[in-house]
C-alpha cells in the first residue's frame, strides 16, 4: 500500500512539474493588431538597423539609417508573406524575449523595441537588449535576422532578372 501511495505522489509531482515548465506562447498574430519592431544588431563585423512592420500574414522590412541630426531615413527592402511555420517560429522568438534576462558576454548585441497596435492605437511597448548569442543555438525560433536575410536574398534575385 505504501508503494502505491509513493508511486501516486511521484506521478503527481512529475505531472505538476511538466505542467509548470510548459511554455505558454502568446499568439502575436491577433486579427486587427499590428506590430512594429525596431531592430538594431551590432557586432565585430556588422551593424544593422531595421524596422519590421507585422500585420496579419505579412511583414514589411525597412532598412534604416540614423543621421547625425537624429533623423532616421528608412528604405523599404521588401515584403514577405508569413507561413504558419514562420508564425510559430516568431511566437517562440517572442516567448524567448519575454524572459527577464538576455545578458551575456557575446560581442553581438541586439537592441529591440516592440510596439503592438490595435486600431492604430498603441497597446503595448517593450525594449529588450540581447547580448546572449543564445538564439543561434535554437533551431525552432525564427529570428529577425533570418527574416531580413530572406528579404535580402529576394532583392538580390530580383536584381539578377
N, C-alpha and C. Protein backbone atom coordinates (compact mmCIF):
# COMPACT_ATOMS: atom_id res chain seq x y z
N UNK A 1 0.82 -1.20 0.00
CA UNK A 1 0.00 0.00 0.00
C UNK A 1 0.87 1.27 0.00
N UNK A 2 1.95 1.26 0.79
CA UNK A 2 2.85 2.41 0.84
C UNK A 2 3.48 2.66 -0.52
N UNK A 3 3.80 1.57 -1.25
CA UNK A 3 4.41 1.72 -2.57
C UNK A 3 3.43 2.37 -3.56
N UNK A 4 2.16 2.00 -3.46
CA UNK A 4 1.16 2.57 -4.35
C UNK A 4 1.00 4.06 -4.07
N UNK A 5 0.95 4.45 -2.81
CA UNK A 5 0.83 5.86 -2.45
C UNK A 5 2.08 6.62 -2.91
N UNK A 6 3.25 6.03 -2.68
CA UNK A 6 4.50 6.65 -3.10
C UNK A 6 4.52 6.87 -4.61
N UNK A 7 4.12 5.85 -5.37
CA UNK A 7 4.09 5.97 -6.83
C UNK A 7 3.07 7.02 -7.28
N UNK A 8 1.93 7.07 -6.59
CA UNK A 8 0.92 8.07 -6.93
C UNK A 8 1.45 9.48 -6.68
N UNK A 9 2.13 9.69 -5.56
CA UNK A 9 2.70 11.00 -5.24
C UNK A 9 3.77 11.38 -6.25
N UNK A 10 4.66 10.44 -6.59
CA UNK A 10 5.71 10.71 -7.58
C UNK A 10 5.09 11.06 -8.93
N UNK A 11 4.06 10.32 -9.33
CA UNK A 11 3.38 10.60 -10.60
C UNK A 11 2.76 12.00 -10.59
N UNK A 12 2.16 12.35 -9.47
CA UNK A 12 1.55 13.68 -9.34
C UNK A 12 2.61 14.77 -9.43
N UNK A 13 3.75 14.59 -8.77
CA UNK A 13 4.84 15.56 -8.81
C UNK A 13 5.35 15.74 -10.24
N UNK A 14 5.55 14.62 -10.95
CA UNK A 14 6.01 14.72 -12.34
C UNK A 14 4.98 15.42 -13.22
N UNK A 15 3.72 15.12 -13.00
CA UNK A 15 2.66 15.76 -13.78
C UNK A 15 2.62 17.25 -13.53
N UNK A 16 2.71 17.67 -12.27
CA UNK A 16 2.70 19.09 -11.93
C UNK A 16 3.93 19.80 -12.48
N UNK A 17 5.08 19.14 -12.41
CA UNK A 17 6.32 19.72 -12.94
C UNK A 17 6.20 19.92 -14.44
N UNK A 18 5.67 18.93 -15.13
CA UNK A 18 5.51 19.05 -16.58
C UNK A 18 4.59 20.20 -16.92
N UNK A 19 3.53 20.38 -16.16
CA UNK A 19 2.60 21.48 -16.42
C UNK A 19 3.23 22.83 -16.12
N UNK A 20 4.00 22.92 -15.06
CA UNK A 20 4.55 24.22 -14.67
C UNK A 20 5.71 24.65 -15.55
N UNK A 21 6.41 23.72 -16.20
CA UNK A 21 7.53 24.11 -17.05
C UNK A 21 7.12 24.28 -18.50
N UNK A 22 5.89 23.98 -18.82
CA UNK A 22 5.43 24.15 -20.19
C UNK A 22 5.37 25.65 -20.50
N UNK A 23 5.97 26.03 -21.62
CA UNK A 23 6.00 27.43 -22.02
C UNK A 23 4.68 27.80 -22.67
N UNK A 24 4.08 28.83 -22.20
CA UNK A 24 2.87 29.34 -22.82
C UNK A 24 3.29 30.41 -23.81
N UNK A 25 3.05 30.15 -25.08
CA UNK A 25 3.45 31.07 -26.12
C UNK A 25 2.28 31.96 -26.50
N UNK A 26 2.45 33.27 -26.38
CA UNK A 26 1.35 34.16 -26.76
C UNK A 26 1.16 34.15 -28.27
N UNK A 27 -0.06 34.31 -28.71
CA UNK A 27 -0.34 34.43 -30.13
C UNK A 27 -0.16 35.88 -30.53
N UNK A 28 0.89 36.15 -31.27
CA UNK A 28 1.20 37.53 -31.62
C UNK A 28 0.50 37.99 -32.89
N UNK A 29 -0.23 37.10 -33.51
CA UNK A 29 -0.87 37.44 -34.75
C UNK A 29 -2.38 37.47 -34.55
N UNK A 30 -2.82 38.42 -33.76
CA UNK A 30 -4.23 38.60 -33.46
C UNK A 30 -4.84 39.48 -34.54
N UNK A 31 -5.98 39.07 -35.05
CA UNK A 31 -6.66 39.82 -36.09
C UNK A 31 -6.92 41.26 -35.63
N UNK A 32 -6.62 42.22 -36.51
CA UNK A 32 -6.85 43.62 -36.19
C UNK A 32 -5.69 44.28 -35.49
N UNK A 33 -4.67 43.50 -35.13
CA UNK A 33 -3.50 44.07 -34.48
C UNK A 33 -2.33 44.12 -35.45
N UNK A 34 -1.44 45.05 -35.20
CA UNK A 34 -0.19 45.13 -35.95
C UNK A 34 0.94 45.34 -34.95
N UNK A 35 2.14 45.12 -35.43
CA UNK A 35 3.29 45.23 -34.55
C UNK A 35 4.44 45.88 -35.33
N UNK A 36 5.13 46.80 -34.67
CA UNK A 36 6.30 47.43 -35.26
C UNK A 36 7.50 47.07 -34.39
N UNK A 37 8.50 46.48 -35.02
CA UNK A 37 9.73 46.09 -34.31
C UNK A 37 10.87 46.92 -34.86
N UNK A 38 11.51 47.66 -33.99
CA UNK A 38 12.74 48.36 -34.35
C UNK A 38 13.88 47.48 -33.88
N UNK A 39 14.70 47.04 -34.83
CA UNK A 39 15.73 46.04 -34.57
C UNK A 39 17.09 46.59 -34.98
N UNK A 40 18.01 46.58 -34.04
CA UNK A 40 19.37 47.01 -34.31
C UNK A 40 20.32 45.94 -33.80
N UNK A 41 21.23 45.51 -34.66
CA UNK A 41 22.19 44.47 -34.28
C UNK A 41 23.58 44.97 -34.60
N UNK A 42 24.47 44.84 -33.62
CA UNK A 42 25.84 45.30 -33.81
C UNK A 42 26.80 44.27 -33.26
N UNK A 43 27.85 44.01 -34.03
CA UNK A 43 28.87 43.06 -33.61
C UNK A 43 30.22 43.47 -34.17
N UNK A 44 31.16 42.57 -34.10
CA UNK A 44 32.52 42.87 -34.58
C UNK A 44 32.55 43.20 -36.06
N UNK A 45 31.72 42.53 -36.85
CA UNK A 45 31.80 42.68 -38.30
C UNK A 45 30.50 43.15 -38.95
N UNK A 46 29.59 43.67 -38.16
CA UNK A 46 28.34 44.15 -38.76
C UNK A 46 27.68 45.21 -37.89
N UNK A 47 26.85 46.00 -38.54
CA UNK A 47 25.94 46.91 -37.85
C UNK A 47 24.71 47.02 -38.74
N UNK A 48 23.58 46.65 -38.21
CA UNK A 48 22.34 46.62 -38.98
C UNK A 48 21.25 47.29 -38.18
N UNK A 49 20.43 48.04 -38.87
CA UNK A 49 19.30 48.68 -38.23
C UNK A 49 18.09 48.56 -39.16
N UNK A 50 17.01 47.99 -38.65
CA UNK A 50 15.83 47.74 -39.46
C UNK A 50 14.56 48.02 -38.68
N UNK A 51 13.49 48.24 -39.44
CA UNK A 51 12.15 48.30 -38.87
C UNK A 51 11.35 47.21 -39.56
N UNK A 52 10.66 46.40 -38.77
CA UNK A 52 9.82 45.33 -39.30
C UNK A 52 8.38 45.65 -38.91
N UNK A 53 7.52 45.73 -39.90
CA UNK A 53 6.11 46.03 -39.67
C UNK A 53 5.31 44.76 -39.94
N UNK A 54 4.73 44.19 -38.88
CA UNK A 54 3.95 42.96 -38.98
C UNK A 54 2.46 43.31 -38.99
N UNK A 55 1.76 42.76 -39.96
CA UNK A 55 0.30 42.91 -40.00
C UNK A 55 -0.28 41.67 -40.67
N UNK A 56 -1.13 40.96 -39.90
CA UNK A 56 -1.76 39.74 -40.38
C UNK A 56 -0.70 38.75 -40.86
N UNK A 57 -0.69 38.40 -42.15
CA UNK A 57 0.24 37.39 -42.65
C UNK A 57 1.48 37.97 -43.32
N UNK A 58 1.71 39.26 -43.17
CA UNK A 58 2.82 39.89 -43.87
C UNK A 58 3.75 40.62 -42.93
N UNK A 59 4.98 40.77 -43.39
CA UNK A 59 5.94 41.62 -42.71
C UNK A 59 6.62 42.47 -43.79
N UNK A 60 6.62 43.79 -43.57
CA UNK A 60 7.32 44.72 -44.45
C UNK A 60 8.60 45.10 -43.71
N UNK A 61 9.73 44.98 -44.40
CA UNK A 61 11.01 45.25 -43.76
C UNK A 61 11.66 46.46 -44.40
N UNK A 62 12.11 47.38 -43.53
CA UNK A 62 12.78 48.60 -43.94
C UNK A 62 14.20 48.59 -43.40
N UNK A 63 15.11 49.13 -44.18
CA UNK A 63 16.47 49.39 -43.71
C UNK A 63 16.48 50.83 -43.22
N UNK A 64 17.09 51.07 -42.07
CA UNK A 64 17.12 52.43 -41.54
C UNK A 64 18.55 52.93 -41.44
N UNK A 65 18.68 54.22 -41.63
CA UNK A 65 19.97 54.89 -41.46
C UNK A 65 19.73 56.07 -40.53
N UNK A 66 20.42 56.09 -39.42
CA UNK A 66 20.29 57.19 -38.46
C UNK A 66 21.26 58.29 -38.83
N UNK A 67 20.72 59.47 -39.02
CA UNK A 67 21.53 60.63 -39.39
C UNK A 67 22.05 61.33 -38.13
N UNK A 68 23.05 62.15 -38.31
CA UNK A 68 23.66 62.86 -37.17
C UNK A 68 22.67 63.80 -36.50
N UNK A 69 21.66 64.27 -37.25
CA UNK A 69 20.69 65.21 -36.69
C UNK A 69 19.48 64.50 -36.07
N UNK A 70 19.65 63.22 -35.73
CA UNK A 70 18.63 62.40 -35.07
C UNK A 70 17.48 62.00 -36.00
N UNK A 71 17.58 62.37 -37.27
CA UNK A 71 16.56 61.96 -38.24
C UNK A 71 16.88 60.54 -38.69
N UNK A 72 15.84 59.73 -38.86
CA UNK A 72 16.02 58.37 -39.34
C UNK A 72 15.44 58.25 -40.74
N UNK A 73 16.29 57.90 -41.70
CA UNK A 73 15.83 57.64 -43.05
C UNK A 73 15.56 56.15 -43.17
N UNK A 74 14.43 55.80 -43.81
CA UNK A 74 14.15 54.38 -43.99
C UNK A 74 13.86 54.10 -45.46
N UNK A 75 14.33 52.93 -45.90
CA UNK A 75 14.14 52.48 -47.26
C UNK A 75 13.50 51.11 -47.21
N UNK A 76 12.43 50.94 -47.96
CA UNK A 76 11.74 49.65 -47.98
C UNK A 76 12.61 48.62 -48.69
N UNK A 77 12.86 47.50 -48.00
CA UNK A 77 13.63 46.41 -48.58
C UNK A 77 12.72 45.41 -49.28
N UNK A 78 11.54 45.17 -48.69
CA UNK A 78 10.63 44.21 -49.29
C UNK A 78 9.56 43.74 -48.33
N UNK A 79 8.68 42.90 -48.85
CA UNK A 79 7.58 42.34 -48.09
C UNK A 79 7.65 40.82 -48.17
N UNK A 80 7.40 40.17 -47.05
CA UNK A 80 7.34 38.71 -47.00
C UNK A 80 5.96 38.28 -46.53
N UNK A 81 5.45 37.20 -47.10
CA UNK A 81 4.24 36.58 -46.61
C UNK A 81 4.66 35.49 -45.64
N UNK A 82 4.11 35.54 -44.44
CA UNK A 82 4.49 34.60 -43.39
C UNK A 82 3.67 33.32 -43.47
N UNK A 83 4.37 32.19 -43.40
CA UNK A 83 3.70 30.89 -43.38
C UNK A 83 3.30 30.56 -41.94
N UNK A 84 2.54 29.50 -41.79
CA UNK A 84 2.17 29.03 -40.46
C UNK A 84 3.42 28.70 -39.65
N UNK A 85 4.40 28.06 -40.29
CA UNK A 85 5.66 27.72 -39.62
C UNK A 85 6.42 28.98 -39.20
N UNK A 86 6.40 30.00 -40.06
CA UNK A 86 7.05 31.27 -39.72
C UNK A 86 6.41 31.88 -38.47
N UNK A 87 5.07 31.88 -38.45
CA UNK A 87 4.36 32.46 -37.31
C UNK A 87 4.66 31.71 -36.02
N UNK A 88 4.74 30.39 -36.10
CA UNK A 88 5.08 29.58 -34.92
C UNK A 88 6.49 29.92 -34.44
N UNK A 89 7.43 30.05 -35.39
CA UNK A 89 8.81 30.40 -35.03
C UNK A 89 8.91 31.79 -34.42
N UNK A 90 8.12 32.73 -34.94
CA UNK A 90 8.11 34.08 -34.37
C UNK A 90 7.46 34.10 -33.00
N UNK A 91 6.41 33.33 -32.81
CA UNK A 91 5.80 33.23 -31.48
C UNK A 91 6.81 32.69 -30.47
N UNK A 92 7.63 31.72 -30.88
CA UNK A 92 8.68 31.20 -29.99
C UNK A 92 9.74 32.26 -29.72
N UNK A 93 10.05 33.07 -30.74
CA UNK A 93 11.02 34.16 -30.56
C UNK A 93 10.52 35.14 -29.50
N UNK A 94 9.25 35.52 -29.57
CA UNK A 94 8.71 36.47 -28.60
C UNK A 94 8.56 35.84 -27.22
N UNK A 95 8.31 34.55 -27.17
CA UNK A 95 8.28 33.87 -25.87
C UNK A 95 9.69 33.88 -25.26
N UNK A 96 10.70 33.69 -26.10
CA UNK A 96 12.10 33.76 -25.64
C UNK A 96 12.41 35.16 -25.12
N UNK A 97 11.98 36.19 -25.84
CA UNK A 97 12.23 37.56 -25.41
C UNK A 97 11.39 37.97 -24.21
N UNK A 98 10.34 37.21 -23.90
CA UNK A 98 9.53 37.51 -22.72
C UNK A 98 10.27 37.17 -21.42
N UNK A 99 11.34 36.37 -21.53
CA UNK A 99 12.15 36.06 -20.35
C UNK A 99 12.81 37.34 -19.85
N UNK A 100 13.20 37.32 -18.59
CA UNK A 100 13.72 38.55 -17.97
C UNK A 100 15.11 38.95 -18.44
N UNK A 101 16.03 38.01 -18.56
CA UNK A 101 17.42 38.39 -18.80
C UNK A 101 17.98 37.76 -20.07
N UNK A 102 18.72 38.57 -20.81
CA UNK A 102 19.41 38.09 -22.01
C UNK A 102 20.84 38.60 -21.97
N UNK A 103 21.37 38.65 -20.74
CA UNK A 103 22.73 39.12 -20.55
C UNK A 103 23.71 38.07 -21.05
N UNK A 104 24.90 38.53 -21.36
CA UNK A 104 25.94 37.62 -21.79
C UNK A 104 27.18 38.40 -22.15
N UNK A 105 28.15 37.67 -22.60
CA UNK A 105 29.43 38.27 -22.98
C UNK A 105 29.63 38.21 -24.49
N UNK A 106 28.57 38.06 -25.21
CA UNK A 106 28.63 37.97 -26.66
C UNK A 106 29.00 39.33 -27.24
N UNK A 107 29.79 39.34 -28.30
CA UNK A 107 30.14 40.61 -28.93
C UNK A 107 29.02 41.13 -29.83
N UNK A 108 28.06 40.27 -30.17
CA UNK A 108 26.88 40.71 -30.90
C UNK A 108 25.82 41.16 -29.90
N UNK A 109 25.33 42.36 -30.08
CA UNK A 109 24.30 42.89 -29.19
C UNK A 109 23.12 43.35 -30.04
N UNK A 110 21.94 42.82 -29.72
CA UNK A 110 20.72 43.20 -30.41
C UNK A 110 19.88 44.09 -29.50
N UNK A 111 19.49 45.24 -30.02
CA UNK A 111 18.57 46.14 -29.31
C UNK A 111 17.25 46.11 -30.05
N UNK A 112 16.19 45.82 -29.32
CA UNK A 112 14.88 45.59 -29.93
C UNK A 112 13.84 46.41 -29.19
N UNK A 113 12.97 47.06 -29.95
CA UNK A 113 11.82 47.71 -29.37
C UNK A 113 10.59 47.17 -30.09
N UNK A 114 9.65 46.65 -29.32
CA UNK A 114 8.44 46.04 -29.87
C UNK A 114 7.24 46.88 -29.46
N UNK A 115 6.49 47.33 -30.45
CA UNK A 115 5.27 48.10 -30.18
C UNK A 115 4.11 47.39 -30.86
N UNK A 116 3.05 47.13 -30.08
CA UNK A 116 1.84 46.50 -30.62
C UNK A 116 0.73 47.52 -30.69
N UNK A 117 -0.04 47.46 -31.78
CA UNK A 117 -1.12 48.40 -32.02
C UNK A 117 -2.42 47.65 -32.29
N UNK A 118 -3.50 48.23 -31.84
CA UNK A 118 -4.84 47.75 -32.19
C UNK A 118 -5.61 48.97 -32.67
N UNK A 119 -6.12 48.88 -33.88
CA UNK A 119 -6.83 50.01 -34.49
C UNK A 119 -5.99 51.29 -34.44
N UNK A 120 -4.70 51.13 -34.76
CA UNK A 120 -3.72 52.23 -34.80
C UNK A 120 -3.45 52.87 -33.45
N UNK A 121 -3.88 52.24 -32.37
CA UNK A 121 -3.64 52.75 -31.03
C UNK A 121 -2.61 51.85 -30.33
N UNK A 122 -1.58 52.46 -29.76
CA UNK A 122 -0.54 51.70 -29.07
C UNK A 122 -1.14 50.98 -27.86
N UNK A 123 -0.95 49.64 -27.81
CA UNK A 123 -1.47 48.88 -26.67
C UNK A 123 -0.37 48.30 -25.79
N UNK A 124 0.86 48.17 -26.34
CA UNK A 124 1.98 47.72 -25.50
C UNK A 124 3.29 48.08 -26.17
N UNK A 125 4.31 48.21 -25.33
CA UNK A 125 5.64 48.55 -25.81
C UNK A 125 6.67 47.90 -24.88
N UNK A 126 7.73 47.38 -25.48
CA UNK A 126 8.77 46.73 -24.68
C UNK A 126 10.12 46.91 -25.36
N UNK A 127 11.15 47.21 -24.55
CA UNK A 127 12.51 47.31 -25.06
C UNK A 127 13.33 46.15 -24.50
N UNK A 128 14.15 45.56 -25.37
CA UNK A 128 14.95 44.39 -25.00
C UNK A 128 16.36 44.59 -25.51
N UNK A 129 17.33 44.21 -24.71
CA UNK A 129 18.72 44.13 -25.15
C UNK A 129 19.16 42.69 -24.98
N UNK A 130 19.64 42.09 -26.07
CA UNK A 130 20.06 40.70 -26.05
C UNK A 130 21.54 40.61 -26.39
N UNK A 131 22.34 40.26 -25.41
CA UNK A 131 23.78 40.07 -25.62
C UNK A 131 24.17 38.63 -25.30
N UNK A 132 23.24 37.71 -25.46
CA UNK A 132 23.47 36.32 -25.05
C UNK A 132 23.98 35.43 -26.16
N UNK A 133 23.74 35.77 -27.41
CA UNK A 133 24.04 34.91 -28.57
C UNK A 133 23.33 33.56 -28.49
N UNK A 134 22.33 33.45 -27.66
CA UNK A 134 21.64 32.17 -27.46
C UNK A 134 20.72 31.80 -28.62
N UNK A 135 20.26 32.78 -29.37
CA UNK A 135 19.33 32.48 -30.47
C UNK A 135 19.97 31.61 -31.54
N UNK A 136 21.28 31.72 -31.71
CA UNK A 136 21.96 30.96 -32.75
C UNK A 136 21.90 29.45 -32.49
N UNK A 137 21.65 29.07 -31.25
CA UNK A 137 21.59 27.66 -30.88
C UNK A 137 20.17 27.09 -30.93
N UNK A 138 19.19 27.92 -31.17
CA UNK A 138 17.79 27.48 -31.13
C UNK A 138 17.28 27.28 -32.56
N UNK A 139 16.91 26.05 -32.86
CA UNK A 139 16.52 25.69 -34.22
C UNK A 139 15.06 26.02 -34.55
N UNK A 140 14.19 26.05 -33.56
CA UNK A 140 12.77 26.22 -33.82
C UNK A 140 12.29 27.66 -33.69
N UNK A 141 13.23 28.60 -33.58
CA UNK A 141 12.90 30.02 -33.45
C UNK A 141 13.26 30.73 -34.75
N UNK A 142 12.36 31.58 -35.22
CA UNK A 142 12.62 32.40 -36.40
C UNK A 142 13.06 33.78 -35.92
N UNK A 143 14.30 34.15 -36.23
CA UNK A 143 14.85 35.42 -35.74
C UNK A 143 14.58 36.54 -36.74
N UNK A 144 14.73 37.77 -36.26
CA UNK A 144 14.60 38.93 -37.13
C UNK A 144 15.67 38.90 -38.21
N UNK A 145 16.88 38.47 -37.85
CA UNK A 145 17.98 38.38 -38.82
C UNK A 145 17.63 37.45 -39.97
N UNK A 146 16.96 36.34 -39.65
CA UNK A 146 16.57 35.41 -40.72
C UNK A 146 15.55 36.05 -41.66
N UNK A 147 14.58 36.77 -41.11
CA UNK A 147 13.60 37.45 -41.96
C UNK A 147 14.28 38.49 -42.86
N UNK A 148 15.20 39.25 -42.29
CA UNK A 148 15.92 40.27 -43.06
C UNK A 148 16.75 39.60 -44.15
N UNK A 149 17.37 38.48 -43.80
CA UNK A 149 18.15 37.72 -44.79
C UNK A 149 17.30 37.23 -45.95
N UNK A 150 16.09 36.81 -45.67
CA UNK A 150 15.18 36.36 -46.74
C UNK A 150 14.86 37.50 -47.69
N UNK A 151 14.59 38.67 -47.14
CA UNK A 151 14.28 39.82 -47.99
C UNK A 151 15.50 40.20 -48.83
N UNK A 152 16.68 40.13 -48.23
CA UNK A 152 17.90 40.46 -48.97
C UNK A 152 18.11 39.48 -50.12
N UNK A 153 17.88 38.20 -49.89
CA UNK A 153 18.02 37.20 -50.96
C UNK A 153 17.01 37.45 -52.07
N UNK A 154 15.79 37.80 -51.68
CA UNK A 154 14.74 38.10 -52.65
C UNK A 154 15.14 39.31 -53.49
N UNK A 155 15.71 40.30 -52.83
CA UNK A 155 16.13 41.53 -53.50
C UNK A 155 17.26 41.24 -54.49
N UNK A 156 18.22 40.42 -54.11
CA UNK A 156 19.34 40.06 -54.97
C UNK A 156 18.84 39.26 -56.17
N UNK A 157 17.92 38.32 -55.93
CA UNK A 157 17.37 37.51 -57.02
C UNK A 157 16.61 38.40 -57.99
N UNK A 158 15.90 39.39 -57.49
CA UNK A 158 15.14 40.30 -58.34
C UNK A 158 16.07 41.17 -59.19
N UNK A 159 17.22 41.58 -58.61
CA UNK A 159 18.18 42.40 -59.35
C UNK A 159 18.81 41.63 -60.51
N UNK A 160 18.94 40.30 -60.37
CA UNK A 160 19.56 39.50 -61.43
C UNK A 160 18.65 39.32 -62.63
N UNK A 161 17.35 39.56 -62.45
CA UNK A 161 16.40 39.36 -63.57
C UNK A 161 16.49 40.50 -64.55
